[in-house]
């Protein structure tokens, strides 16, 4: 991997990530293909929306279909027919979500498989080995996602465990040609975040992720952590904010220097009838759209908006037609890639704040509803 910062606007930056499998313009949003597929759409359609890198998940692919099956196909890229770069999550967040059914100790995590109920053990060495077997372009260190809320003592204990696991992940990765990212923890305590980042840099990684900031904290709390942490992140390496994905959250994090994002929001919200536009979220299930002949958003160049009306989409949703999930997902994926392009253009022009203010106004109603 090669990373180059091309333009800046304050702490915000746009650049290029170069892999053997392709170039990624940053800031970039990675559609989530948890099980080796972005839900309801083909890899060709994901690429046509503008995505240059996607995310897969170690935890789920390890459980089903199993690493051996993916290896038999020559790796995840061939298995799912995606030619570009793939970043794989280490499985730490999924283990975190299984809190009632897991046991964490120094060695790793024991849990019951949500697939068949069998007992499974996952540790840093196995997580890295699975990601190597999948053929990931970006491997993530295994960590413990700190819950929210957490006391400072609880956050420190979790952070210390993640740092020990980060060291083991680094050793397990060795001289493997894939890129390895470390993951910072520390809850909502800036002093812990800064300490964790310093110690991760002492271990040495190719890029650095900020974890544990999509677990229920407020917009203001997340911004506070990123504002404190951002100036201390390495300039020459990419920065990845994990699991954060509302448009206003993304542009806010870019202002603090983040480069990479992933989230299930665009695909999950699509299936639930929430379509993203430059004027906020359009809830297609509302009765007011039952007879509207216009597209989701005027001027949008996605396949859905160029061919189908709001009324038709609402009709499909009301009838629970599978086609609705596909068309809604295509629109949202397209919007998110257009959002990232707008962010990059705004950084180049020194106008990111103007874009951020525009989005904040457009999505004000959604925030007030939350």
Protein backbone atom coordinates (compact mmCIF):
# COMPACT_ATOMS: atom_id res chain seq x y z
CA UNK A 1 0.00 0.00 0.00
CA UNK A 2 1.08 3.54 -0.78
CA UNK A 3 -0.70 6.54 0.75
CA UNK A 4 -0.38 10.13 -0.38
CA UNK A 5 -2.13 13.25 0.94
CA UNK A 6 -2.93 15.51 -2.01
CA UNK A 7 -5.02 18.37 -0.58
CA UNK A 8 -5.98 19.67 2.86
CA UNK A 9 -8.59 22.01 4.30
CA UNK A 10 -7.68 22.59 7.93
CA UNK A 11 -7.31 19.12 9.44
CA UNK A 12 -9.34 17.55 6.63
CA UNK A 13 -7.42 15.88 3.86
CA UNK A 14 -7.98 14.07 0.60
CA UNK A 15 -5.51 11.66 -0.90
CA UNK A 16 -4.85 8.37 -2.66
CA UNK A 17 -4.47 4.85 -1.31
CA UNK A 18 -2.74 2.62 -3.84
CA UNK A 19 -2.99 -1.16 -3.69
CA UNK A 20 -2.03 -3.81 -6.23
CA UNK A 21 -5.75 -4.34 -6.81
CA UNK A 22 -6.57 -0.68 -7.39
CA UNK A 23 -6.50 2.91 -6.20
CA UNK A 24 -8.83 4.32 -3.54
CA UNK A 25 -9.52 8.04 -3.39
CA UNK A 26 -9.86 9.31 0.18
CA UNK A 27 -11.90 10.21 2.13
CA UNK A 28 -13.60 6.97 1.11
CA UNK A 29 -16.70 5.09 2.21
CA UNK A 30 -16.54 1.29 2.17
CA UNK A 31 -19.84 -0.53 1.54
CA UNK A 32 -20.20 -3.42 3.98
CA UNK A 33 -20.20 -6.93 2.54
CA UNK A 34 -20.32 -8.76 5.85
CA UNK A 35 -20.97 -12.25 4.46
CA UNK A 36 -19.05 -11.72 1.24
CA UNK A 37 -21.84 -9.74 -0.41
CA UNK A 38 -23.21 -6.21 -0.20
CA UNK A 39 -26.82 -7.00 0.60
CA UNK A 40 -29.13 -7.31 -2.46
CA UNK A 41 -26.74 -5.93 -5.12
CA UNK A 42 -24.01 -7.37 -7.34
CA UNK A 43 -20.32 -6.43 -7.15
CA UNK A 44 -20.65 -4.85 -10.60
CA UNK A 45 -23.44 -2.63 -9.30
CA UNK A 46 -21.41 -1.67 -6.23
CA UNK A 47 -18.51 -0.71 -8.49
CA UNK A 48 -20.84 1.25 -10.80
CA UNK A 49 -22.00 3.29 -7.80
CA UNK A 50 -18.42 4.50 -7.42
CA UNK A 51 -17.12 2.29 -4.60
CA UNK A 52 -13.42 1.46 -4.85
CA UNK A 53 -12.98 -0.64 -1.70
CA UNK A 54 -15.39 -2.78 0.33
CA UNK A 55 -15.43 -4.41 3.75
CA UNK A 56 -15.77 -8.09 4.60
CA UNK A 57 -16.01 -9.69 8.02
CA UNK A 58 -13.66 -12.26 9.49
CA UNK A 59 -16.10 -13.43 12.17
CA UNK A 60 -19.01 -14.25 9.87
CA UNK A 61 -16.96 -15.74 7.02
CA UNK A 62 -15.03 -17.88 9.48
CA UNK A 63 -18.29 -19.37 10.76
CA UNK A 64 -19.98 -19.67 7.37
CA UNK A 65 -19.02 -20.87 4.79
CA UNK A 66 -15.67 -21.43 6.55
CA UNK A 67 -12.16 -20.41 5.63
CA UNK A 68 -11.47 -23.64 3.73
CA UNK A 69 -14.28 -22.98 1.27
CA UNK A 70 -13.10 -19.43 0.56
CA UNK A 71 -9.48 -20.60 0.17
CA UNK A 72 -10.63 -23.24 -2.32
CA UNK A 73 -11.88 -20.40 -4.52
CA UNK A 74 -8.54 -18.59 -4.34
CA UNK A 75 -9.58 -16.08 -1.66
CA UNK A 76 -12.44 -13.74 -0.92
CA UNK A 77 -11.95 -11.61 -4.04
CA UNK A 78 -12.63 -14.51 -6.36
CA UNK A 79 -15.21 -16.08 -4.07
CA UNK A 80 -17.41 -12.98 -4.23
CA UNK A 81 -16.24 -11.71 -7.64
CA UNK A 82 -14.88 -8.37 -6.39
CA UNK A 83 -11.65 -7.30 -8.13
CA UNK A 84 -10.79 -4.27 -5.98
CA UNK A 85 -9.26 -3.94 -2.51
CA UNK A 86 -11.01 -5.52 0.49
CA UNK A 87 -10.61 -4.55 4.15
CA UNK A 88 -11.67 -7.20 6.65
CA UNK A 89 -12.82 -6.45 10.17
CA UNK A 90 -11.06 -8.57 12.76
CA UNK A 91 -14.23 -9.85 14.40
CA UNK A 92 -13.78 -7.84 17.59
CA UNK A 93 -16.96 -5.81 17.14
CA UNK A 94 -19.06 -8.90 16.39
CA UNK A 95 -17.72 -10.58 19.52
CA UNK A 96 -18.63 -7.38 21.40
CA UNK A 97 -22.22 -7.68 20.13
CA UNK A 98 -22.46 -11.20 21.58
CA UNK A 99 -21.93 -9.90 25.14
CA UNK A 100 -24.42 -12.24 26.88
CA UNK A 101 -22.86 -15.33 25.24
CA UNK A 102 -19.12 -14.67 25.39
CA UNK A 103 -16.23 -15.05 27.81
CA UNK A 104 -13.20 -12.79 27.44
CA UNK A 105 -9.82 -13.48 29.00
CA UNK A 106 -6.19 -12.79 28.21
CA UNK A 107 -6.00 -15.63 25.72
CA UNK A 108 -8.95 -14.55 23.60
CA UNK A 109 -12.73 -14.92 23.41
CA UNK A 110 -14.94 -17.99 23.76
CA UNK A 111 -18.48 -17.71 22.48
CA UNK A 112 -21.39 -19.69 21.10
CA UNK A 113 -21.67 -19.55 17.34
CA UNK A 114 -24.84 -17.72 16.22
CA UNK A 115 -24.87 -20.11 13.24
CA UNK A 116 -25.05 -23.52 14.96
CA UNK A 117 -24.51 -22.94 18.68
CA UNK A 118 -21.09 -24.62 18.76
CA UNK A 119 -18.44 -23.22 21.08
CA UNK A 120 -15.89 -21.13 19.19
CA UNK A 121 -12.59 -19.64 20.31
CA UNK A 122 -11.10 -16.57 18.62
CA UNK A 123 -7.80 -14.91 19.51
CA UNK A 124 -5.47 -12.40 17.79
CA UNK A 125 -3.44 -15.10 16.08
CA UNK A 126 -6.46 -16.87 14.63
CA UNK A 127 -8.13 -13.62 13.56
CA UNK A 128 -5.02 -12.59 11.62
CA UNK A 129 -4.62 -16.08 10.15
CA UNK A 130 -8.21 -16.10 8.91
CA UNK A 131 -7.76 -12.68 7.31
CA UNK A 132 -4.59 -13.89 5.59
CA UNK A 133 -6.48 -16.91 4.29
CA UNK A 134 -9.27 -14.68 2.99
CA UNK A 135 -6.68 -12.69 1.05
CA UNK A 136 -7.52 -9.35 2.66
CA UNK A 137 -5.74 -6.29 1.35
CA UNK A 138 -6.16 -4.57 4.74
CA UNK A 139 -6.01 -6.78 7.83
CA UNK A 140 -7.34 -5.40 11.12
CA UNK A 141 -5.75 -6.17 14.47
CA UNK A 142 -7.94 -8.08 16.92
CA UNK A 143 -9.29 -5.85 19.68
CA UNK A 144 -11.89 -5.64 22.41
CA UNK A 145 -14.50 -3.02 21.62
CA UNK A 146 -14.97 -0.92 24.76
CA UNK A 147 -18.67 -0.68 25.68
CA UNK A 148 -20.55 2.55 26.29
CA UNK A 149 -20.94 3.78 28.92
CA UNK A 150 -17.71 2.76 30.66
CA UNK A 151 -15.92 4.19 33.66
CA UNK A 152 -12.35 5.36 33.17
CA UNK A 153 -11.06 2.27 34.98
CA UNK A 154 -13.19 0.00 32.78
CA UNK A 155 -12.06 1.83 29.63
CA UNK A 156 -8.41 1.53 30.66
CA UNK A 157 -8.67 -2.19 31.38
CA UNK A 158 -10.28 -2.76 27.98
CA UNK A 159 -7.68 -0.57 26.27
CA UNK A 160 -4.79 -2.41 27.91
CA UNK A 161 -6.19 -5.75 26.75
CA UNK A 162 -6.59 -4.42 23.21
CA UNK A 163 -2.99 -3.18 23.25
CA UNK A 164 -1.69 -6.59 24.32
CA UNK A 165 -3.78 -8.18 21.59
CA UNK A 166 -2.46 -5.56 19.12
CA UNK A 167 1.10 -6.68 19.88
CA UNK A 168 0.11 -10.30 19.30
CA UNK A 169 -1.66 -9.35 16.05
CA UNK A 170 1.50 -7.55 14.88
CA UNK A 171 3.62 -10.61 15.63
CA UNK A 172 1.15 -12.94 13.94
CA UNK A 173 1.08 -10.75 10.82
CA UNK A 174 4.87 -10.85 10.53
CA UNK A 175 6.14 -9.98 7.06
CA UNK A 176 2.87 -10.81 5.29
CA UNK A 177 2.40 -8.55 2.23
CA UNK A 178 -1.08 -7.38 3.26
CA UNK A 179 -1.48 -4.11 5.14
CA UNK A 180 -2.10 -4.26 8.92
CA UNK A 181 -4.08 -1.58 10.79
CA UNK A 182 -4.05 -1.13 14.56
CA UNK A 183 -7.25 -0.17 16.39
CA UNK A 184 -7.33 2.48 19.10
CA UNK A 185 -9.66 2.23 22.07
CA UNK A 186 -10.10 4.26 25.26
CA UNK A 187 -13.80 5.07 25.42
CA UNK A 188 -14.70 8.74 25.78
CA UNK A 189 -11.52 9.60 27.68
CA UNK A 190 -9.16 11.71 25.52
CA UNK A 191 -6.15 11.00 27.72
CA UNK A 192 -6.66 7.25 27.23
CA UNK A 193 -7.13 7.70 23.50
CA UNK A 194 -3.87 9.62 23.22
CA UNK A 195 -1.98 7.08 25.30
CA UNK A 196 -3.38 4.21 23.26
CA UNK A 197 -2.42 5.87 19.98
CA UNK A 198 1.14 6.48 21.17
CA UNK A 199 1.55 2.88 22.23
CA UNK A 200 0.08 1.57 18.96
CA UNK A 201 2.64 3.63 17.07
CA UNK A 202 5.38 2.10 19.20
CA UNK A 203 4.19 -1.35 18.08
CA UNK A 204 4.07 -0.09 14.49
CA UNK A 205 1.19 -0.44 12.02
CA UNK A 206 0.57 0.53 8.39
CA UNK A 207 -2.54 2.51 9.30
CA UNK A 208 -4.58 3.39 12.38
CA UNK A 209 -8.26 2.90 13.13
CA UNK A 210 -10.38 4.59 15.77
CA UNK A 211 -12.67 2.00 17.34
CA UNK A 212 -15.43 2.11 19.91
CA UNK A 213 -17.11 5.28 18.60
CA UNK A 214 -20.26 3.76 17.15
CA UNK A 215 -21.58 2.06 20.28
CA UNK A 216 -24.22 4.51 21.50
CA UNK A 217 -22.30 7.70 22.28
CA UNK A 218 -23.71 11.08 21.21
CA UNK A 219 -22.58 13.13 18.23
CA UNK A 220 -21.03 15.65 20.63
CA UNK A 221 -19.13 12.98 22.58
CA UNK A 222 -17.71 11.47 19.40
CA UNK A 223 -16.66 14.87 18.09
CA UNK A 224 -14.94 15.64 21.38
CA UNK A 225 -12.83 12.49 21.13
CA UNK A 226 -11.95 13.04 17.47
CA UNK A 227 -11.06 16.69 18.05
CA UNK A 228 -8.66 15.69 20.83
CA UNK A 229 -7.19 12.71 18.98
CA UNK A 230 -6.97 14.02 15.41
CA UNK A 231 -3.91 16.29 15.76
CA UNK A 232 -1.91 13.41 17.26
CA UNK A 233 -2.54 10.86 14.50
CA UNK A 234 0.33 10.16 12.08
CA UNK A 235 0.17 12.39 9.02
CA UNK A 236 1.73 9.90 6.61
CA UNK A 237 -0.64 7.00 7.30
CA UNK A 238 -4.35 6.44 6.65
CA UNK A 239 -6.90 6.87 9.44
CA UNK A 240 -10.05 4.76 9.65
CA UNK A 241 -13.09 5.63 11.78
CA UNK A 242 -14.87 2.34 12.28
CA UNK A 243 -18.63 1.85 11.98
CA UNK A 244 -19.66 5.52 11.72
CA UNK A 245 -21.93 6.22 8.78
CA UNK A 246 -24.56 8.98 8.88
CA UNK A 247 -23.76 11.71 6.33
CA UNK A 248 -23.40 14.39 9.03
CA UNK A 249 -21.18 12.09 11.10
CA UNK A 250 -18.91 11.38 8.15
CA UNK A 251 -18.35 15.00 7.15
CA UNK A 252 -17.79 15.95 10.79
CA UNK A 253 -15.15 13.22 11.17
CA UNK A 254 -13.47 14.27 7.92
CA UNK A 255 -13.06 17.74 9.42
CA UNK A 256 -10.98 16.10 12.16
CA UNK A 257 -8.77 14.28 9.65
CA UNK A 258 -10.41 10.87 9.14
CA UNK A 259 -9.86 9.11 5.79
CA UNK A 260 -11.86 5.85 5.74
CA UNK A 261 -15.39 4.93 6.82
CA UNK A 262 -17.71 1.94 6.80
CA UNK A 263 -21.26 1.36 8.00
CA UNK A 264 -24.37 -0.71 7.24
CA UNK A 265 -26.54 2.42 7.39
CA UNK A 266 -26.94 3.00 3.62
CA UNK A 267 -27.92 -0.61 2.90
CA UNK A 268 -29.94 -1.30 6.06
CA UNK A 269 -31.79 2.00 5.88
CA UNK A 270 -32.58 1.31 2.22
CA UNK A 271 -34.32 -1.95 3.10
CA UNK A 272 -36.32 -0.07 5.73
CA UNK A 273 -37.50 2.57 3.26
CA UNK A 274 -35.13 5.39 4.26
CA UNK A 275 -33.53 6.97 1.20
CA UNK A 276 -30.73 9.51 1.51
CA UNK A 277 -30.86 12.76 -0.44
CA UNK A 278 -29.20 16.18 -0.36
CA UNK A 279 -32.35 17.42 1.38
CA UNK A 280 -32.33 14.84 4.15
CA UNK A 281 -33.85 11.37 4.52
CA UNK A 282 -36.86 10.57 2.35
CA UNK A 283 -39.10 8.01 4.05
CA UNK A 284 -40.70 6.32 1.09
CA UNK A 285 -43.35 4.59 3.22
CA UNK A 286 -45.04 7.91 3.94
CA UNK A 287 -48.43 8.17 2.23
CA UNK A 288 -47.53 11.46 0.56
CA UNK A 289 -45.38 9.58 -1.97
CA UNK A 290 -48.11 7.17 -3.09
CA UNK A 291 -48.84 9.06 -6.33
CA UNK A 292 -45.63 11.05 -6.90
CA UNK A 293 -44.24 10.51 -10.40
CA UNK A 294 -40.82 12.08 -9.81
CA UNK A 295 -37.62 10.24 -8.79
CA UNK A 296 -36.28 9.93 -5.26
CA UNK A 297 -34.16 13.01 -5.97
CA UNK A 298 -34.22 15.28 -8.99
CA UNK A 299 -30.85 15.35 -10.74
CA UNK A 300 -29.64 12.09 -9.21
CA UNK A 301 -27.90 9.94 -11.82
CA UNK A 302 -28.30 6.58 -10.10
CA UNK A 303 -30.05 3.75 -11.95
CA UNK A 304 -33.05 3.96 -9.63
CA UNK A 305 -33.70 7.68 -10.06
CA UNK A 306 -33.17 7.54 -13.81
CA UNK A 307 -35.79 4.82 -14.27
CA UNK A 308 -38.32 4.71 -11.42
CA UNK A 309 -40.68 7.03 -9.54
CA UNK A 310 -41.30 7.51 -5.84
CA UNK A 311 -44.78 6.07 -6.31
CA UNK A 312 -43.40 2.91 -7.91
CA UNK A 313 -40.82 2.43 -5.19
CA UNK A 314 -43.46 2.87 -2.51
CA UNK A 315 -45.68 0.39 -4.36
CA UNK A 316 -42.84 -2.18 -4.37
CA UNK A 317 -42.16 -1.63 -0.68
CA UNK A 318 -45.83 -1.95 0.22
CA UNK A 319 -45.95 -5.26 -1.66
CA UNK A 320 -42.69 -6.43 -0.06
CA UNK A 321 -41.14 -6.97 -3.45
CA UNK A 322 -37.46 -7.94 -3.43
CA UNK A 323 -36.90 -5.43 -6.22
CA UNK A 324 -37.52 -2.60 -3.76
CA UNK A 325 -34.50 -3.59 -1.65
CA UNK A 326 -32.32 -3.64 -4.73
CA UNK A 327 -33.46 -0.29 -6.12
CA UNK A 328 -33.37 1.46 -2.73
CA UNK A 329 -29.90 0.07 -1.99
CA UNK A 330 -28.58 1.18 -5.37
CA UNK A 331 -29.79 4.72 -4.69
CA UNK A 332 -28.28 4.90 -1.20
CA UNK A 333 -24.94 3.44 -2.29
CA UNK A 334 -24.81 5.94 -5.14
CA UNK A 335 -25.65 8.81 -2.79
CA UNK A 336 -22.89 7.85 -0.36
CA UNK A 337 -20.27 7.71 -3.10
CA UNK A 338 -21.49 11.07 -4.43
CA UNK A 339 -21.23 12.41 -0.87
CA UNK A 340 -17.60 11.29 -0.65
CA UNK A 341 -16.84 12.88 -4.02
CA UNK A 342 -18.46 16.12 -2.83
CA UNK A 343 -16.32 15.99 0.33
CA UNK A 344 -13.14 15.51 -1.70
CA UNK A 345 -14.09 18.37 -4.04
CA UNK A 346 -14.89 20.64 -1.07
CA UNK A 347 -11.51 19.91 0.53
CA UNK A 348 -9.73 20.76 -2.72
CA UNK A 349 -11.66 24.05 -2.88
CA UNK A 350 -11.22 24.85 0.82
CA UNK A 351 -15.00 24.79 1.31
CA UNK A 352 -15.59 21.77 3.55
CA UNK A 353 -17.27 23.84 6.25
CA UNK A 354 -19.83 25.07 3.72
CA UNK A 355 -20.65 21.48 2.80
CA UNK A 356 -20.82 20.47 6.47
CA UNK A 357 -23.25 23.31 7.22
CA UNK A 358 -25.41 22.32 4.25
CA UNK A 359 -25.67 18.72 5.44
CA UNK A 360 -26.33 19.76 9.03
CA UNK A 361 -29.27 21.87 7.88
CA UNK A 362 -30.61 19.15 5.55
CA UNK A 363 -30.48 16.49 8.26
CA UNK A 364 -31.54 18.70 11.19
CA UNK A 365 -35.01 17.14 11.33
CA UNK A 366 -33.53 13.65 11.51
CA UNK A 367 -31.23 14.67 14.37
CA UNK A 368 -34.08 16.27 16.28
CA UNK A 369 -36.11 13.11 15.79
CA UNK A 370 -33.29 11.04 17.30
